[in-house]
């Protein structure tokens, strides 16, 4: 793991943005693999999460959401942009799978394979400061402001 220096203080602006390079890497891997990434963004708080919207094979939109407690989940989006909770599925791969693994799982979902599970995994709590997770996120960034 690359040592990017001291980690940001929880709830500081740099800490809130720690997931951005990871999710950017996932979006880039998806696009490089031919997946139409329509948008992606960071949502900063409790738990930190991020969203990637892709175009499905049927022309519809799928929302893939990563959060710092449960990893990646997805669901089809309705006309208002929501993914019904009963249609949400969690991807395998753990809390912070490699962006290439996420891209492969998303391509599998788009091809009708690897539907995931409906039961929410819980790998950690967003309150677990100092458990090493922020260092794993920081490894996706060239520079982490302290």
N, C-alpha and C. Protein backbone atom coordinates (compact mmCIF):
# COMPACT_ATOMS: atom_id res chain seq x y z
N UNK A 1 0.85 -1.17 0.00
CA UNK A 1 0.00 0.00 0.00
C UNK A 1 0.90 1.24 0.00
N UNK A 2 0.52 2.24 -0.74
CA UNK A 2 1.25 3.50 -0.82
C UNK A 2 0.93 4.32 0.42
N UNK A 3 1.97 4.88 1.04
CA UNK A 3 1.76 5.75 2.19
C UNK A 3 1.54 7.17 1.69
N UNK A 4 0.32 7.66 1.82
CA UNK A 4 -0.03 9.01 1.36
C UNK A 4 0.06 10.03 2.48
N UNK A 5 0.75 9.68 3.56
CA UNK A 5 0.88 10.61 4.66
C UNK A 5 -0.27 10.46 5.65
N UNK A 6 -0.43 11.46 6.49
CA UNK A 6 -1.48 11.37 7.51
C UNK A 6 -2.88 11.36 6.88
N UNK A 7 -3.75 10.61 7.51
CA UNK A 7 -5.12 10.54 7.02
C UNK A 7 -5.92 11.74 7.52
N UNK A 8 -6.91 12.16 6.75
CA UNK A 8 -7.72 13.30 7.19
C UNK A 8 -8.55 12.98 8.43
N UNK A 9 -8.87 14.00 9.16
CA UNK A 9 -9.72 13.89 10.34
C UNK A 9 -11.14 13.55 9.92
N UNK A 10 -11.79 12.60 10.61
CA UNK A 10 -13.18 12.28 10.26
C UNK A 10 -14.06 13.54 10.20
N UNK A 11 -14.89 13.57 9.19
CA UNK A 11 -15.85 14.63 8.89
C UNK A 11 -15.24 15.91 8.36
N UNK A 12 -13.94 15.93 8.14
CA UNK A 12 -13.33 17.07 7.47
C UNK A 12 -13.63 16.95 5.97
N UNK A 13 -13.57 18.04 5.20
CA UNK A 13 -13.80 17.94 3.75
C UNK A 13 -12.93 16.89 3.05
N UNK A 14 -11.62 16.79 3.35
CA UNK A 14 -10.82 15.74 2.69
C UNK A 14 -11.28 14.32 3.05
N UNK A 15 -11.71 14.12 4.28
CA UNK A 15 -12.20 12.79 4.71
C UNK A 15 -13.48 12.43 3.96
N UNK A 16 -14.37 13.41 3.83
CA UNK A 16 -15.63 13.18 3.13
C UNK A 16 -15.36 12.79 1.67
N UNK A 17 -14.28 13.34 1.10
CA UNK A 17 -13.97 13.07 -0.31
C UNK A 17 -13.09 11.84 -0.53
N UNK A 18 -12.69 11.14 0.53
CA UNK A 18 -11.82 9.98 0.35
C UNK A 18 -12.38 8.93 -0.62
N UNK A 19 -13.68 8.67 -0.67
CA UNK A 19 -14.17 7.66 -1.62
C UNK A 19 -14.12 8.08 -3.09
N UNK A 20 -14.01 9.37 -3.37
CA UNK A 20 -14.11 9.85 -4.76
C UNK A 20 -13.12 9.18 -5.72
N UNK A 21 -11.82 9.09 -5.40
CA UNK A 21 -10.90 8.45 -6.35
C UNK A 21 -11.25 6.98 -6.62
N UNK A 22 -11.71 6.27 -5.59
CA UNK A 22 -12.11 4.87 -5.77
C UNK A 22 -13.29 4.76 -6.75
N UNK A 23 -14.31 5.56 -6.52
CA UNK A 23 -15.50 5.49 -7.38
C UNK A 23 -15.18 6.02 -8.78
N UNK A 24 -14.32 7.03 -8.88
CA UNK A 24 -13.86 7.49 -10.20
C UNK A 24 -13.17 6.34 -10.94
N UNK A 25 -12.33 5.57 -10.23
CA UNK A 25 -11.64 4.44 -10.86
C UNK A 25 -12.63 3.39 -11.34
N UNK A 26 -13.67 3.14 -10.57
CA UNK A 26 -14.70 2.19 -10.99
C UNK A 26 -15.40 2.70 -12.25
N UNK A 27 -15.80 3.97 -12.25
CA UNK A 27 -16.49 4.54 -13.41
C UNK A 27 -15.60 4.48 -14.66
N UNK A 28 -14.31 4.77 -14.50
CA UNK A 28 -13.39 4.70 -15.64
C UNK A 28 -13.25 3.28 -16.17
N UNK A 29 -13.17 2.30 -15.27
CA UNK A 29 -13.08 0.89 -15.70
C UNK A 29 -14.34 0.46 -16.41
N UNK A 30 -15.50 0.92 -15.92
CA UNK A 30 -16.76 0.60 -16.60
C UNK A 30 -16.77 1.16 -18.01
N UNK A 31 -16.45 2.44 -18.13
CA UNK A 31 -16.45 3.09 -19.45
C UNK A 31 -15.44 2.43 -20.38
N UNK A 32 -14.26 2.10 -19.86
CA UNK A 32 -13.24 1.45 -20.69
C UNK A 32 -13.70 0.08 -21.18
N UNK A 33 -14.59 -0.55 -20.41
CA UNK A 33 -15.13 -1.86 -20.79
C UNK A 33 -16.39 -1.78 -21.63
N UNK A 34 -16.75 -0.57 -22.07
CA UNK A 34 -17.90 -0.43 -22.95
C UNK A 34 -19.24 -0.19 -22.27
N UNK A 35 -19.24 0.00 -20.96
CA UNK A 35 -20.48 0.28 -20.24
C UNK A 35 -20.76 1.78 -20.33
N UNK A 36 -21.99 2.13 -20.65
CA UNK A 36 -22.38 3.53 -20.75
C UNK A 36 -22.60 4.09 -19.34
N UNK A 37 -21.62 4.85 -18.84
CA UNK A 37 -21.73 5.49 -17.54
C UNK A 37 -22.38 6.85 -17.78
N UNK A 38 -23.59 7.02 -17.25
CA UNK A 38 -24.35 8.25 -17.47
C UNK A 38 -23.96 9.34 -16.49
N UNK A 39 -23.59 8.95 -15.27
CA UNK A 39 -23.21 9.93 -14.25
C UNK A 39 -22.64 9.17 -13.07
N UNK A 40 -21.88 9.86 -12.24
CA UNK A 40 -21.46 9.31 -10.95
C UNK A 40 -21.12 10.46 -10.02
N UNK A 41 -21.32 10.23 -8.72
CA UNK A 41 -21.08 11.27 -7.74
C UNK A 41 -20.88 10.68 -6.35
N UNK A 42 -20.31 11.50 -5.49
CA UNK A 42 -20.05 11.17 -4.11
C UNK A 42 -21.17 11.73 -3.23
N UNK A 43 -21.58 10.96 -2.22
CA UNK A 43 -22.54 11.43 -1.23
C UNK A 43 -21.84 11.28 0.11
N UNK A 44 -21.56 12.37 0.80
CA UNK A 44 -20.54 12.36 1.83
C UNK A 44 -20.83 11.76 3.20
N UNK A 45 -22.04 11.55 3.62
CA UNK A 45 -22.19 11.31 5.05
C UNK A 45 -23.05 10.13 5.46
N UNK A 46 -22.58 9.45 6.46
CA UNK A 46 -23.26 8.51 7.35
C UNK A 46 -24.21 7.50 6.71
N UNK A 47 -23.72 6.52 6.07
CA UNK A 47 -22.32 6.29 5.73
C UNK A 47 -21.93 7.05 4.47
N UNK A 48 -20.63 7.22 4.29
CA UNK A 48 -20.18 7.79 3.01
C UNK A 48 -20.59 6.81 1.92
N UNK A 49 -21.11 7.34 0.84
CA UNK A 49 -21.50 6.48 -0.27
C UNK A 49 -21.32 7.24 -1.57
N UNK A 50 -21.43 6.53 -2.65
CA UNK A 50 -21.29 7.11 -3.99
C UNK A 50 -22.20 6.34 -4.94
N UNK A 51 -22.61 7.02 -5.99
CA UNK A 51 -23.54 6.44 -6.96
C UNK A 51 -22.93 6.49 -8.35
N UNK A 52 -23.16 5.41 -9.10
CA UNK A 52 -22.79 5.34 -10.51
C UNK A 52 -24.05 4.91 -11.27
N UNK A 53 -24.45 5.74 -12.23
CA UNK A 53 -25.63 5.42 -13.05
C UNK A 53 -25.14 4.90 -14.40
N UNK A 54 -25.65 3.73 -14.79
CA UNK A 54 -25.27 3.16 -16.09
C UNK A 54 -26.52 2.88 -16.92
N UNK A 55 -26.31 2.80 -18.22
CA UNK A 55 -27.39 2.46 -19.15
C UNK A 55 -27.46 0.94 -19.23
N UNK A 56 -28.65 0.40 -19.00
CA UNK A 56 -28.86 -1.04 -19.11
C UNK A 56 -28.98 -1.47 -20.56
N UNK A 57 -28.90 -2.76 -20.80
CA UNK A 57 -29.00 -3.31 -22.15
C UNK A 57 -30.36 -3.02 -22.78
N UNK A 58 -31.38 -2.86 -21.94
CA UNK A 58 -32.74 -2.57 -22.44
C UNK A 58 -32.98 -1.08 -22.61
N UNK A 59 -31.95 -0.26 -22.39
CA UNK A 59 -32.08 1.19 -22.51
C UNK A 59 -32.46 1.87 -21.21
N UNK A 60 -32.86 1.10 -20.20
CA UNK A 60 -33.18 1.67 -18.90
C UNK A 60 -31.92 2.03 -18.14
N UNK A 61 -32.11 2.63 -16.99
CA UNK A 61 -30.98 3.03 -16.16
C UNK A 61 -30.89 2.14 -14.93
N UNK A 62 -29.66 1.81 -14.55
CA UNK A 62 -29.41 1.09 -13.31
C UNK A 62 -28.56 1.97 -12.41
N UNK A 63 -28.90 1.96 -11.14
CA UNK A 63 -28.15 2.73 -10.14
C UNK A 63 -27.30 1.75 -9.35
N UNK A 64 -25.98 1.94 -9.39
CA UNK A 64 -25.04 1.17 -8.58
C UNK A 64 -24.55 2.10 -7.48
N UNK A 65 -24.70 1.66 -6.24
CA UNK A 65 -24.33 2.49 -5.09
C UNK A 65 -23.32 1.72 -4.25
N UNK A 66 -22.25 2.41 -3.88
CA UNK A 66 -21.26 1.87 -2.96
C UNK A 66 -21.41 2.62 -1.64
N UNK A 67 -21.32 1.89 -0.52
CA UNK A 67 -21.23 2.58 0.77
C UNK A 67 -20.19 1.89 1.64
N UNK A 68 -19.71 2.63 2.61
CA UNK A 68 -18.60 2.18 3.44
C UNK A 68 -18.97 1.14 4.48
N UNK A 69 -20.20 0.70 4.50
CA UNK A 69 -20.62 -0.37 5.41
C UNK A 69 -20.91 -1.67 4.67
N UNK A 70 -21.47 -1.57 3.47
CA UNK A 70 -21.99 -2.76 2.78
C UNK A 70 -21.43 -3.01 1.40
N UNK A 71 -20.55 -2.17 0.90
CA UNK A 71 -20.01 -2.38 -0.44
C UNK A 71 -20.98 -1.93 -1.52
N UNK A 72 -21.04 -2.69 -2.61
CA UNK A 72 -21.81 -2.30 -3.79
C UNK A 72 -23.19 -2.96 -3.83
N UNK A 73 -24.19 -2.17 -4.22
CA UNK A 73 -25.54 -2.68 -4.44
C UNK A 73 -26.07 -2.01 -5.70
N UNK A 74 -27.15 -2.54 -6.23
CA UNK A 74 -27.72 -1.95 -7.44
C UNK A 74 -29.21 -2.21 -7.51
N UNK A 75 -29.84 -1.47 -8.38
CA UNK A 75 -31.25 -1.67 -8.66
C UNK A 75 -31.65 -0.86 -9.88
N UNK A 76 -32.75 -1.26 -10.53
CA UNK A 76 -33.24 -0.50 -11.68
C UNK A 76 -33.84 0.81 -11.20
N UNK A 77 -33.67 1.86 -11.98
CA UNK A 77 -34.20 3.17 -11.61
C UNK A 77 -35.58 3.38 -12.22
N UNK A 78 -36.47 3.97 -11.43
CA UNK A 78 -37.78 4.32 -11.98
C UNK A 78 -37.67 5.69 -12.66
N UNK A 79 -38.79 6.21 -13.14
CA UNK A 79 -38.78 7.47 -13.87
C UNK A 79 -38.31 8.65 -13.03
N UNK A 80 -38.44 8.55 -11.72
CA UNK A 80 -38.01 9.64 -10.83
C UNK A 80 -36.59 9.46 -10.32
N UNK A 81 -35.90 8.40 -10.76
CA UNK A 81 -34.52 8.19 -10.38
C UNK A 81 -34.29 7.32 -9.16
N UNK A 82 -35.34 6.70 -8.64
CA UNK A 82 -35.20 5.85 -7.46
C UNK A 82 -35.06 4.39 -7.86
N UNK A 83 -34.36 3.63 -7.04
CA UNK A 83 -34.29 2.18 -7.20
C UNK A 83 -35.12 1.59 -6.06
N UNK A 84 -36.24 0.93 -6.38
CA UNK A 84 -37.09 0.37 -5.31
C UNK A 84 -36.30 -0.58 -4.41
N UNK A 85 -36.47 -0.42 -3.11
CA UNK A 85 -35.70 -1.22 -2.15
C UNK A 85 -35.89 -2.71 -2.36
N UNK A 86 -37.09 -3.15 -2.71
CA UNK A 86 -37.32 -4.57 -2.89
C UNK A 86 -36.57 -5.12 -4.11
N UNK A 87 -36.12 -4.25 -4.99
CA UNK A 87 -35.36 -4.67 -6.17
C UNK A 87 -33.85 -4.50 -5.99
N UNK A 88 -33.41 -4.06 -4.83
CA UNK A 88 -31.99 -3.84 -4.57
C UNK A 88 -31.29 -5.17 -4.36
N UNK A 89 -30.13 -5.32 -4.99
CA UNK A 89 -29.30 -6.51 -4.84
C UNK A 89 -27.88 -6.07 -4.51
N UNK A 90 -27.20 -6.83 -3.66
CA UNK A 90 -25.83 -6.54 -3.25
C UNK A 90 -24.87 -7.41 -4.03
N UNK A 91 -23.84 -6.77 -4.59
CA UNK A 91 -22.85 -7.49 -5.37
C UNK A 91 -21.87 -8.22 -4.45
N UNK A 92 -21.32 -9.33 -4.92
CA UNK A 92 -20.28 -10.00 -4.15
C UNK A 92 -18.97 -9.22 -4.25
N UNK A 93 -18.01 -9.59 -3.46
CA UNK A 93 -16.69 -8.98 -3.59
C UNK A 93 -16.23 -8.23 -2.36
N UNK A 94 -17.09 -8.12 -1.36
CA UNK A 94 -16.68 -7.46 -0.14
C UNK A 94 -16.89 -5.96 -0.16
N UNK A 95 -16.24 -5.31 0.77
CA UNK A 95 -16.46 -3.88 1.01
C UNK A 95 -15.80 -2.99 -0.02
N UNK A 96 -14.60 -3.32 -0.43
CA UNK A 96 -13.85 -2.43 -1.32
C UNK A 96 -13.17 -3.27 -2.42
N UNK A 97 -13.97 -3.91 -3.26
CA UNK A 97 -13.36 -4.74 -4.31
C UNK A 97 -12.60 -3.87 -5.31
N UNK A 98 -11.62 -4.47 -5.95
CA UNK A 98 -10.86 -3.80 -6.99
C UNK A 98 -11.80 -3.24 -8.05
N UNK A 99 -11.53 -2.03 -8.57
CA UNK A 99 -12.41 -1.45 -9.60
C UNK A 99 -12.65 -2.38 -10.80
N UNK A 100 -11.65 -3.16 -11.19
CA UNK A 100 -11.83 -4.11 -12.28
C UNK A 100 -12.84 -5.20 -11.93
N UNK A 101 -12.82 -5.65 -10.67
CA UNK A 101 -13.79 -6.65 -10.21
C UNK A 101 -15.20 -6.07 -10.22
N UNK A 102 -15.33 -4.82 -9.79
CA UNK A 102 -16.65 -4.18 -9.80
C UNK A 102 -17.15 -4.06 -11.24
N UNK A 103 -16.28 -3.62 -12.14
CA UNK A 103 -16.66 -3.48 -13.55
C UNK A 103 -17.11 -4.82 -14.13
N UNK A 104 -16.39 -5.89 -13.79
CA UNK A 104 -16.77 -7.22 -14.29
C UNK A 104 -18.13 -7.63 -13.73
N UNK A 105 -18.37 -7.35 -12.45
CA UNK A 105 -19.66 -7.69 -11.84
C UNK A 105 -20.79 -6.90 -12.48
N UNK A 106 -20.55 -5.61 -12.75
CA UNK A 106 -21.57 -4.78 -13.40
C UNK A 106 -21.86 -5.30 -14.80
N UNK A 107 -20.82 -5.63 -15.55
CA UNK A 107 -21.03 -6.20 -16.89
C UNK A 107 -21.83 -7.50 -16.80
N UNK A 108 -21.57 -8.30 -15.77
CA UNK A 108 -22.34 -9.52 -15.56
C UNK A 108 -23.81 -9.23 -15.30
N UNK A 109 -24.08 -8.23 -14.48
CA UNK A 109 -25.47 -7.84 -14.21
C UNK A 109 -26.13 -7.40 -15.51
N UNK A 110 -25.44 -6.58 -16.30
CA UNK A 110 -26.01 -6.09 -17.55
C UNK A 110 -26.26 -7.22 -18.54
N UNK A 111 -25.47 -8.28 -18.46
CA UNK A 111 -25.63 -9.44 -19.35
C UNK A 111 -26.62 -10.46 -18.79
N UNK A 112 -27.18 -10.16 -17.60
CA UNK A 112 -28.17 -11.07 -17.01
C UNK A 112 -27.56 -12.13 -16.12
N UNK A 113 -26.30 -11.97 -15.74
CA UNK A 113 -25.63 -12.93 -14.85
C UNK A 113 -25.27 -12.22 -13.54
N UNK A 114 -25.09 -12.99 -12.52
CA UNK A 114 -24.58 -12.41 -11.27
C UNK A 114 -25.51 -11.41 -10.64
N UNK A 115 -26.73 -11.81 -10.38
CA UNK A 115 -27.74 -10.88 -9.88
C UNK A 115 -27.50 -10.39 -8.46
N UNK A 116 -26.61 -11.00 -7.71
CA UNK A 116 -26.36 -10.55 -6.34
C UNK A 116 -27.39 -11.10 -5.37
N UNK A 117 -27.32 -10.63 -4.14
CA UNK A 117 -28.21 -11.11 -3.08
C UNK A 117 -29.03 -9.94 -2.53
N UNK A 118 -30.20 -10.26 -2.00
CA UNK A 118 -31.06 -9.20 -1.47
C UNK A 118 -30.73 -8.85 -0.02
N UNK A 119 -30.07 -9.75 0.70
CA UNK A 119 -29.74 -9.48 2.09
C UNK A 119 -28.52 -8.57 2.18
N UNK A 120 -28.66 -7.50 2.95
CA UNK A 120 -27.59 -6.51 3.09
C UNK A 120 -26.44 -7.05 3.94
N UNK A 121 -25.23 -7.10 3.37
CA UNK A 121 -24.09 -7.45 4.20
C UNK A 121 -23.66 -6.24 5.02
N UNK A 122 -23.04 -6.49 6.12
CA UNK A 122 -22.51 -5.38 6.92
C UNK A 122 -21.09 -5.74 7.32
N UNK A 123 -20.13 -5.09 6.66
CA UNK A 123 -18.72 -5.37 6.88
C UNK A 123 -18.12 -4.53 7.99
N UNK A 124 -18.68 -3.37 8.23
CA UNK A 124 -18.17 -2.44 9.24
C UNK A 124 -19.24 -1.39 9.48
N UNK A 125 -19.03 -0.54 10.48
CA UNK A 125 -19.90 0.60 10.74
C UNK A 125 -19.18 1.87 10.26
N UNK A 126 -19.93 2.83 9.82
CA UNK A 126 -19.32 4.10 9.42
C UNK A 126 -18.66 4.79 10.61
N UNK A 127 -18.96 4.35 11.80
CA UNK A 127 -18.36 4.92 13.01
C UNK A 127 -17.03 4.26 13.39
N UNK A 128 -16.59 3.28 12.60
CA UNK A 128 -15.37 2.53 12.92
C UNK A 128 -14.11 3.30 12.49
N UNK A 129 -13.90 4.45 13.07
CA UNK A 129 -12.71 5.24 12.76
C UNK A 129 -11.47 4.47 13.22
N UNK A 130 -10.41 4.59 12.49
CA UNK A 130 -9.16 3.98 12.90
C UNK A 130 -9.07 2.49 12.64
N UNK A 131 -9.98 1.93 11.86
CA UNK A 131 -9.95 0.48 11.59
C UNK A 131 -9.13 0.13 10.34
N UNK A 132 -8.48 1.13 9.74
CA UNK A 132 -7.66 0.89 8.57
C UNK A 132 -8.38 1.12 7.25
N UNK A 133 -9.69 1.29 7.30
CA UNK A 133 -10.45 1.45 6.06
C UNK A 133 -10.10 2.75 5.33
N UNK A 134 -9.95 3.84 6.06
CA UNK A 134 -9.61 5.11 5.39
C UNK A 134 -8.27 5.02 4.67
N UNK A 135 -7.33 4.28 5.22
CA UNK A 135 -6.04 4.09 4.54
C UNK A 135 -6.23 3.32 3.23
N UNK A 136 -7.14 2.35 3.23
CA UNK A 136 -7.43 1.62 1.99
C UNK A 136 -8.05 2.54 0.95
N UNK A 137 -8.96 3.42 1.38
CA UNK A 137 -9.53 4.39 0.44
C UNK A 137 -8.47 5.36 -0.07
N UNK A 138 -7.63 5.83 0.85
CA UNK A 138 -6.60 6.81 0.49
C UNK A 138 -5.62 6.26 -0.54
N UNK A 139 -5.47 4.95 -0.58
CA UNK A 139 -4.55 4.35 -1.55
C UNK A 139 -5.00 4.60 -2.99
N UNK A 140 -6.26 4.94 -3.20
CA UNK A 140 -6.77 5.23 -4.54
C UNK A 140 -6.50 6.68 -4.96
N UNK A 141 -5.95 7.46 -4.08
CA UNK A 141 -5.68 8.86 -4.36
C UNK A 141 -4.17 9.11 -4.36
N UNK A 142 -3.71 9.90 -5.28
CA UNK A 142 -2.27 10.24 -5.33
C UNK A 142 -1.88 11.13 -4.16
N UNK A 143 -2.79 12.01 -3.76
CA UNK A 143 -2.50 12.93 -2.66
C UNK A 143 -3.73 13.01 -1.77
N UNK A 144 -3.50 12.86 -0.47
CA UNK A 144 -4.59 13.02 0.50
C UNK A 144 -4.24 14.23 1.35
N UNK A 145 -5.12 15.22 1.31
CA UNK A 145 -4.90 16.41 2.15
C UNK A 145 -5.11 16.04 3.60
N UNK A 146 -4.26 16.52 4.47
CA UNK A 146 -4.36 16.17 5.88
C UNK A 146 -4.95 17.26 6.71
